Amino acid sequence: MAGNRVVARYRDGRRVKGVTGDFGPARDFFHVNPEGGGAPVTVWHADLKAVFFVRNFVGNRYHEAKNDFEAGKLAIGKKIRVVFEDGEVLVGTTQSYHPGRPGFFVVPVDPAVNTERCYVIVSATREVDFLQPRDLRTTGRREL
C-alpha cells in the first residue's frame, strides 16, 4: 500500500506503527495499516499526543537527538520548541503553527533523527514557544 509511514503516539503512551493513506490535519481521524499486517486501525486525533512521519520503523535507539540549531545555518520556517504533557521536548521549525488550531507540523532540528516531520496535537502540549534569535540554547534559557 502506498502512503506515509507513521507512528501514532497516544496521550496514554500507546503507539500504533504502520502506513496511512488518509491522514489529514483537518480530519478528526485517519486509518493506519499496522506494521506486520492486521486490520486497519482507526486513529482519532483527540486521543493522540502526535503523529510522527518516519523514515522507517526501526530507527536508531542509540541516537541522541540534538535539540540545538547550528549557528549560522539558515532554518526554513519559524524555530519552535514544544514541550508535551509527558515532558518530551521537540525542537524544530514550523510553517503552520497558529494559536487556536488543533495541531501543526514540526520538522525536527536534527536531520539525523528518524522523524521526517511530526504533527503535534496542541491539546497534548504543556508549552509551545517560538525561539528568538537571542536564545542561547533550545532549553529555554535566554541570553541576558
N, C-alpha and C. Protein backbone atom coordinates (compact mmCIF):
# COMPACT_ATOMS: atom_id res chain seq x y z
N MET A 1 0.84 -1.18 0.00
CA MET A 1 0.00 0.00 0.00
C MET A 1 0.89 1.25 0.00
N ALA A 2 0.60 2.17 -0.87
CA ALA A 2 1.32 3.44 -0.89
C ALA A 2 0.79 4.32 0.23
N GLY A 3 1.65 5.12 0.78
CA GLY A 3 1.22 6.01 1.86
C GLY A 3 2.41 6.47 2.67
N ASN A 4 2.12 7.01 3.81
CA ASN A 4 3.15 7.52 4.71
C ASN A 4 3.37 6.56 5.88
N ARG A 5 4.65 6.32 6.19
CA ARG A 5 4.98 5.54 7.39
C ARG A 5 4.80 6.46 8.59
N VAL A 6 4.00 6.01 9.55
CA VAL A 6 3.73 6.83 10.73
C VAL A 6 3.84 6.01 12.01
N VAL A 7 4.11 6.74 13.07
CA VAL A 7 3.98 6.21 14.42
C VAL A 7 3.01 7.16 15.12
N ALA A 8 1.80 6.66 15.38
CA ALA A 8 0.80 7.46 16.08
C ALA A 8 1.01 7.21 17.56
N ARG A 9 1.32 8.27 18.29
CA ARG A 9 1.58 8.14 19.72
C ARG A 9 0.43 8.75 20.49
N TYR A 10 -0.19 7.91 21.31
CA TYR A 10 -1.34 8.32 22.10
C TYR A 10 -0.89 9.03 23.37
N ARG A 11 -1.81 9.79 23.93
CA ARG A 11 -1.53 10.52 25.17
C ARG A 11 -1.28 9.57 26.34
N ASP A 12 -1.86 8.37 26.28
CA ASP A 12 -1.70 7.40 27.36
C ASP A 12 -0.46 6.51 27.19
N GLY A 13 0.37 6.79 26.17
CA GLY A 13 1.61 6.05 25.98
C GLY A 13 1.56 4.96 24.92
N ARG A 14 0.38 4.57 24.49
CA ARG A 14 0.29 3.55 23.43
C ARG A 14 0.83 4.11 22.12
N ARG A 15 1.20 3.17 21.22
CA ARG A 15 1.69 3.54 19.89
C ARG A 15 1.09 2.61 18.86
N VAL A 16 0.88 3.15 17.68
CA VAL A 16 0.49 2.34 16.52
C VAL A 16 1.47 2.70 15.41
N LYS A 17 2.18 1.69 14.90
CA LYS A 17 3.11 1.89 13.79
C LYS A 17 2.51 1.27 12.55
N GLY A 18 2.62 1.99 11.44
CA GLY A 18 2.10 1.45 10.20
C GLY A 18 2.08 2.49 9.10
N VAL A 19 1.25 2.24 8.11
CA VAL A 19 1.17 3.10 6.94
C VAL A 19 -0.24 3.70 6.87
N THR A 20 -0.29 5.00 6.57
CA THR A 20 -1.57 5.67 6.39
C THR A 20 -1.63 6.30 5.01
N GLY A 21 -2.80 6.29 4.45
CA GLY A 21 -3.02 6.93 3.16
C GLY A 21 -4.08 8.01 3.25
N ASP A 22 -4.62 8.22 4.48
CA ASP A 22 -5.72 9.18 4.59
C ASP A 22 -5.56 10.17 5.74
N PHE A 23 -4.32 10.38 6.21
CA PHE A 23 -4.13 11.37 7.26
C PHE A 23 -4.42 12.76 6.72
N GLY A 24 -5.07 13.57 7.51
CA GLY A 24 -5.31 14.96 7.16
C GLY A 24 -5.50 15.77 8.43
N PRO A 25 -4.81 16.90 8.56
CA PRO A 25 -4.92 17.71 9.77
C PRO A 25 -6.35 18.21 10.04
N ALA A 26 -7.14 18.39 9.00
CA ALA A 26 -8.49 18.92 9.17
C ALA A 26 -9.51 17.83 9.50
N ARG A 27 -9.08 16.58 9.46
CA ARG A 27 -10.00 15.47 9.75
C ARG A 27 -9.90 15.09 11.22
N ASP A 28 -10.93 14.46 11.75
CA ASP A 28 -10.95 14.02 13.15
C ASP A 28 -10.24 12.69 13.36
N PHE A 29 -10.08 11.91 12.30
CA PHE A 29 -9.47 10.60 12.41
C PHE A 29 -8.79 10.21 11.11
N PHE A 30 -7.98 9.15 11.18
CA PHE A 30 -7.36 8.56 10.00
C PHE A 30 -7.17 7.09 10.28
N HIS A 31 -6.70 6.36 9.29
CA HIS A 31 -6.51 4.91 9.44
C HIS A 31 -5.04 4.55 9.29
N VAL A 32 -4.62 3.56 10.07
CA VAL A 32 -3.26 3.05 9.98
C VAL A 32 -3.34 1.56 9.71
N ASN A 33 -2.65 1.12 8.65
CA ASN A 33 -2.48 -0.31 8.40
C ASN A 33 -1.24 -0.72 9.17
N PRO A 34 -1.42 -1.49 10.24
CA PRO A 34 -0.31 -1.79 11.16
C PRO A 34 0.87 -2.48 10.48
N GLU A 35 2.04 -2.12 10.97
CA GLU A 35 3.27 -2.77 10.55
C GLU A 35 3.12 -4.25 10.87
N GLY A 36 3.45 -5.10 9.92
CA GLY A 36 3.34 -6.53 10.15
C GLY A 36 1.98 -7.12 9.81
N GLY A 37 1.04 -6.29 9.39
CA GLY A 37 -0.27 -6.79 8.98
C GLY A 37 -1.34 -6.61 10.04
N GLY A 38 -2.51 -7.06 9.69
CA GLY A 38 -3.66 -6.92 10.58
C GLY A 38 -4.65 -5.93 10.03
N ALA A 39 -5.77 -5.86 10.69
CA ALA A 39 -6.85 -4.97 10.27
C ALA A 39 -6.46 -3.51 10.49
N PRO A 40 -6.90 -2.63 9.59
CA PRO A 40 -6.63 -1.21 9.77
C PRO A 40 -7.16 -0.70 11.13
N VAL A 41 -6.42 0.23 11.71
CA VAL A 41 -6.79 0.81 13.00
C VAL A 41 -7.28 2.23 12.74
N THR A 42 -8.44 2.56 13.30
CA THR A 42 -8.94 3.93 13.23
C THR A 42 -8.30 4.71 14.37
N VAL A 43 -7.65 5.81 14.02
CA VAL A 43 -6.92 6.63 15.00
C VAL A 43 -7.61 7.99 15.07
N TRP A 44 -8.05 8.35 16.27
CA TRP A 44 -8.73 9.64 16.49
C TRP A 44 -7.73 10.67 16.99
N HIS A 45 -7.70 11.82 16.35
CA HIS A 45 -6.77 12.89 16.73
C HIS A 45 -6.91 13.24 18.21
N ALA A 46 -8.12 13.27 18.72
CA ALA A 46 -8.36 13.68 20.11
C ALA A 46 -7.66 12.79 21.12
N ASP A 47 -7.33 11.56 20.74
CA ASP A 47 -6.67 10.61 21.65
C ASP A 47 -5.15 10.69 21.59
N LEU A 48 -4.63 11.47 20.64
CA LEU A 48 -3.20 11.45 20.36
C LEU A 48 -2.40 12.55 21.03
N LYS A 49 -1.11 12.28 21.13
CA LYS A 49 -0.10 13.25 21.50
C LYS A 49 0.46 13.86 20.21
N ALA A 50 0.80 12.98 19.26
CA ALA A 50 1.39 13.43 18.00
C ALA A 50 1.41 12.28 17.01
N VAL A 51 1.58 12.64 15.74
CA VAL A 51 1.78 11.66 14.67
C VAL A 51 3.17 11.92 14.10
N PHE A 52 4.04 10.93 14.21
CA PHE A 52 5.41 11.05 13.71
C PHE A 52 5.49 10.38 12.35
N PHE A 53 5.87 11.14 11.34
CA PHE A 53 6.08 10.62 9.99
C PHE A 53 7.54 10.21 9.94
N VAL A 54 7.79 8.91 9.78
CA VAL A 54 9.13 8.37 9.97
C VAL A 54 9.73 7.82 8.68
N ARG A 55 11.07 7.73 8.67
CA ARG A 55 11.78 7.15 7.53
C ARG A 55 11.60 5.63 7.49
N ASN A 56 11.66 5.03 8.69
CA ASN A 56 11.49 3.58 8.80
C ASN A 56 10.95 3.27 10.19
N PHE A 57 10.62 2.00 10.42
CA PHE A 57 10.06 1.62 11.71
C PHE A 57 11.11 1.11 12.69
N VAL A 58 12.36 1.05 12.26
CA VAL A 58 13.43 0.56 13.11
C VAL A 58 14.04 1.69 13.93
N GLY A 59 14.41 2.78 13.26
CA GLY A 59 15.03 3.90 13.93
C GLY A 59 16.40 3.53 14.47
N ASN A 60 16.93 4.37 15.32
CA ASN A 60 18.22 4.12 15.96
C ASN A 60 18.09 4.54 17.42
N ARG A 61 17.83 3.57 18.27
CA ARG A 61 17.58 3.90 19.68
C ARG A 61 18.82 4.45 20.38
N TYR A 62 19.99 4.33 19.77
CA TYR A 62 21.23 4.84 20.36
C TYR A 62 21.52 6.28 19.96
N HIS A 63 20.77 6.79 18.98
CA HIS A 63 20.99 8.18 18.55
C HIS A 63 20.42 9.13 19.59
N GLU A 64 21.24 10.06 20.04
CA GLU A 64 20.78 11.09 20.96
C GLU A 64 20.44 12.33 20.15
N ALA A 65 19.16 12.64 20.10
CA ALA A 65 18.70 13.77 19.28
C ALA A 65 19.32 15.07 19.77
N LYS A 66 19.72 15.88 18.81
CA LYS A 66 20.27 17.20 19.10
C LYS A 66 19.13 18.21 19.01
N ASN A 67 19.00 19.00 20.04
CA ASN A 67 17.92 19.98 20.08
C ASN A 67 18.43 21.41 19.96
N ASP A 68 19.60 21.57 19.35
CA ASP A 68 20.17 22.89 19.16
C ASP A 68 20.31 23.19 17.67
N PHE A 69 20.01 24.43 17.31
CA PHE A 69 20.19 24.86 15.93
C PHE A 69 21.66 25.17 15.70
N GLU A 70 22.14 24.81 14.53
CA GLU A 70 23.53 25.06 14.16
C GLU A 70 23.70 26.55 13.91
N ALA A 71 24.69 27.14 14.57
CA ALA A 71 24.95 28.58 14.43
C ALA A 71 25.24 28.92 12.98
N GLY A 72 24.58 29.96 12.50
CA GLY A 72 24.81 30.44 11.15
C GLY A 72 24.10 29.69 10.06
N LYS A 73 23.45 28.57 10.40
CA LYS A 73 22.75 27.80 9.38
C LYS A 73 21.31 28.30 9.26
N LEU A 74 20.87 28.54 8.04
CA LEU A 74 19.54 29.04 7.78
C LEU A 74 18.50 27.96 8.10
N ALA A 75 17.47 28.34 8.83
CA ALA A 75 16.36 27.43 9.13
C ALA A 75 15.14 27.91 8.37
N ILE A 76 14.47 27.01 7.69
CA ILE A 76 13.27 27.36 6.94
C ILE A 76 12.06 27.23 7.86
N GLY A 77 11.36 28.32 8.04
CA GLY A 77 10.22 28.34 8.94
C GLY A 77 10.61 29.00 10.25
N LYS A 78 9.67 29.00 11.18
CA LYS A 78 9.92 29.59 12.50
C LYS A 78 10.48 28.52 13.42
N LYS A 79 11.49 28.88 14.18
CA LYS A 79 12.07 27.96 15.15
C LYS A 79 11.11 27.83 16.33
N ILE A 80 10.89 26.59 16.74
CA ILE A 80 9.88 26.34 17.76
C ILE A 80 10.34 25.25 18.72
N ARG A 81 9.88 25.34 19.94
CA ARG A 81 10.14 24.34 20.98
C ARG A 81 8.79 23.92 21.54
N VAL A 82 8.55 22.61 21.51
CA VAL A 82 7.30 22.05 22.02
C VAL A 82 7.62 21.16 23.22
N VAL A 83 6.92 21.38 24.31
CA VAL A 83 7.03 20.50 25.47
C VAL A 83 5.67 19.82 25.61
N PHE A 84 5.68 18.50 25.49
CA PHE A 84 4.45 17.73 25.62
C PHE A 84 4.08 17.56 27.09
N GLU A 85 2.84 17.18 27.35
CA GLU A 85 2.36 16.95 28.72
C GLU A 85 3.24 15.97 29.48
N ASP A 86 3.81 14.98 28.77
CA ASP A 86 4.62 13.95 29.43
C ASP A 86 6.07 14.38 29.61
N GLY A 87 6.41 15.62 29.22
CA GLY A 87 7.75 16.14 29.41
C GLY A 87 8.67 16.01 28.21
N GLU A 88 8.27 15.24 27.20
CA GLU A 88 9.11 15.12 26.00
C GLU A 88 9.21 16.48 25.32
N VAL A 89 10.40 16.77 24.80
CA VAL A 89 10.66 18.05 24.13
C VAL A 89 10.96 17.79 22.66
N LEU A 90 10.33 18.56 21.80
CA LEU A 90 10.55 18.50 20.37
C LEU A 90 10.96 19.90 19.92
N VAL A 91 12.11 20.00 19.25
CA VAL A 91 12.60 21.28 18.76
C VAL A 91 12.76 21.17 17.25
N GLY A 92 12.32 22.20 16.56
CA GLY A 92 12.43 22.19 15.11
C GLY A 92 11.91 23.47 14.51
N THR A 93 11.39 23.35 13.31
CA THR A 93 10.82 24.50 12.62
C THR A 93 9.39 24.19 12.22
N THR A 94 8.61 25.24 12.11
CA THR A 94 7.22 25.10 11.68
C THR A 94 6.86 26.23 10.74
N GLN A 95 5.94 25.93 9.86
CA GLN A 95 5.37 26.95 8.99
C GLN A 95 3.87 27.03 9.20
N SER A 96 3.36 26.22 10.17
CA SER A 96 1.91 26.11 10.26
C SER A 96 1.34 26.27 11.66
N TYR A 97 2.11 26.75 12.63
CA TYR A 97 1.54 26.93 13.97
C TYR A 97 0.75 28.23 14.05
N HIS A 98 -0.49 28.10 14.46
CA HIS A 98 -1.35 29.26 14.70
C HIS A 98 -2.17 28.94 15.94
N PRO A 99 -2.11 29.80 16.95
CA PRO A 99 -2.91 29.56 18.16
C PRO A 99 -4.38 29.36 17.79
N GLY A 100 -5.01 28.43 18.43
CA GLY A 100 -6.42 28.16 18.17
C GLY A 100 -6.65 26.99 17.24
N ARG A 101 -5.66 26.59 16.48
CA ARG A 101 -5.81 25.41 15.63
C ARG A 101 -5.50 24.17 16.45
N PRO A 102 -6.09 23.03 16.10
CA PRO A 102 -5.89 21.83 16.91
C PRO A 102 -4.51 21.18 16.80
N GLY A 103 -3.77 21.50 15.75
CA GLY A 103 -2.45 20.89 15.58
C GLY A 103 -1.62 21.62 14.56
N PHE A 104 -0.34 21.19 14.44
CA PHE A 104 0.58 21.81 13.49
C PHE A 104 1.75 20.87 13.24
N PHE A 105 2.43 21.10 12.13
CA PHE A 105 3.59 20.28 11.76
C PHE A 105 4.88 20.92 12.26
N VAL A 106 5.81 20.05 12.66
CA VAL A 106 7.16 20.47 13.05
C VAL A 106 8.15 19.56 12.32
N VAL A 107 9.19 20.17 11.76
CA VAL A 107 10.31 19.42 11.18
C VAL A 107 11.42 19.47 12.22
N PRO A 108 11.87 18.32 12.73
CA PRO A 108 12.90 18.32 13.78
C PRO A 108 14.18 19.00 13.34
N VAL A 109 14.86 19.65 14.30
CA VAL A 109 16.11 20.35 14.02
C VAL A 109 17.23 19.38 13.66
N ASP A 110 17.21 18.18 14.23
CA ASP A 110 18.26 17.19 13.99
C ASP A 110 17.94 16.38 12.74
N PRO A 111 18.71 16.56 11.65
CA PRO A 111 18.41 15.84 10.42
C PRO A 111 18.72 14.34 10.51
N ALA A 112 19.41 13.91 11.57
CA ALA A 112 19.77 12.50 11.71
C ALA A 112 18.71 11.68 12.45
N VAL A 113 17.66 12.32 12.97
CA VAL A 113 16.62 11.55 13.65
C VAL A 113 15.76 10.83 12.62
N ASN A 114 15.04 9.83 13.05
CA ASN A 114 14.21 9.02 12.17
C ASN A 114 12.93 9.76 11.74
N THR A 115 12.54 10.76 12.48
CA THR A 115 11.31 11.50 12.19
C THR A 115 11.57 12.55 11.12
N GLU A 116 10.81 12.46 10.02
CA GLU A 116 10.92 13.46 8.95
C GLU A 116 10.12 14.71 9.31
N ARG A 117 8.93 14.50 9.88
CA ARG A 117 8.10 15.60 10.34
C ARG A 117 7.13 15.02 11.37
N CYS A 118 6.54 15.91 12.14
CA CYS A 118 5.65 15.48 13.21
C CYS A 118 4.43 16.39 13.22
N TYR A 119 3.25 15.79 13.35
CA TYR A 119 2.03 16.56 13.53
C TYR A 119 1.73 16.57 15.02
N VAL A 120 1.85 17.73 15.63
CA VAL A 120 1.67 17.90 17.07
C VAL A 120 0.21 18.22 17.36
N ILE A 121 -0.38 17.52 18.33
CA ILE A 121 -1.73 17.82 18.79
C ILE A 121 -1.60 18.83 19.93
N VAL A 122 -2.10 20.05 19.72
CA VAL A 122 -1.90 21.14 20.67
C VAL A 122 -2.42 20.80 22.06
N SER A 123 -3.54 20.11 22.17
CA SER A 123 -4.11 19.79 23.48
C SER A 123 -3.23 18.84 24.29
N ALA A 124 -2.23 18.22 23.66
CA ALA A 124 -1.31 17.30 24.36
C ALA A 124 0.01 17.99 24.71
N THR A 125 0.05 19.33 24.60
CA THR A 125 1.29 20.05 24.91
C THR A 125 1.15 20.81 26.22
N ARG A 126 2.30 21.05 26.83
CA ARG A 126 2.38 21.87 28.05
C ARG A 126 2.83 23.27 27.66
N GLU A 127 3.78 23.35 26.69
CA GLU A 127 4.32 24.64 26.24
C GLU A 127 4.59 24.58 24.74
N VAL A 128 4.35 25.69 24.07
CA VAL A 128 4.75 25.88 22.69
C VAL A 128 5.36 27.27 22.61
N ASP A 129 6.67 27.32 22.32
CA ASP A 129 7.37 28.60 22.31
C ASP A 129 8.14 28.78 21.01
N PHE A 130 8.02 29.99 20.44
CA PHE A 130 8.89 30.34 19.32
C PHE A 130 10.23 30.71 19.91
N LEU A 131 11.29 30.27 19.28
CA LEU A 131 12.64 30.58 19.74
C LEU A 131 13.12 31.84 19.06
N GLN A 132 13.62 32.75 19.84
CA GLN A 132 14.07 34.03 19.34
C GLN A 132 15.54 33.94 18.92
N PRO A 133 16.00 34.82 18.07
CA PRO A 133 17.40 34.78 17.63
C PRO A 133 18.40 34.86 18.78
N ARG A 134 18.02 35.47 19.89
CA ARG A 134 18.94 35.62 21.01
C ARG A 134 18.96 34.41 21.94
N ASP A 135 18.13 33.39 21.69
CA ASP A 135 18.16 32.20 22.54
C ASP A 135 19.52 31.53 22.42
N LEU A 136 20.10 31.23 23.57
CA LEU A 136 21.40 30.55 23.57
C LEU A 136 21.24 29.10 23.18
N ARG A 137 20.26 28.45 23.76
CA ARG A 137 20.02 27.03 23.50
C ARG A 137 18.51 26.84 23.45
N THR A 138 18.09 25.73 22.95
CA THR A 138 16.67 25.44 22.85
C THR A 138 16.09 24.92 24.16
N THR A 139 16.87 24.96 25.23
CA THR A 139 16.39 24.51 26.53
C THR A 139 15.53 25.57 27.19
N GLY A 140 15.38 26.72 26.56
CA GLY A 140 14.53 27.76 27.09
C GLY A 140 15.29 28.87 27.79
N ARG A 141 16.61 28.71 28.00
CA ARG A 141 17.41 29.76 28.62
C ARG A 141 17.61 30.89 27.62
N ARG A 142 17.55 32.09 28.10
CA ARG A 142 17.70 33.25 27.22
C ARG A 142 18.97 34.01 27.59
N GLU A 143 19.53 34.65 26.59
CA GLU A 143 20.71 35.49 26.80
C GLU A 143 20.28 36.73 27.56
N LEU A 144 21.06 37.14 28.54
CA LEU A 144 20.73 38.34 29.33
C LEU A 144 21.37 39.57 28.75
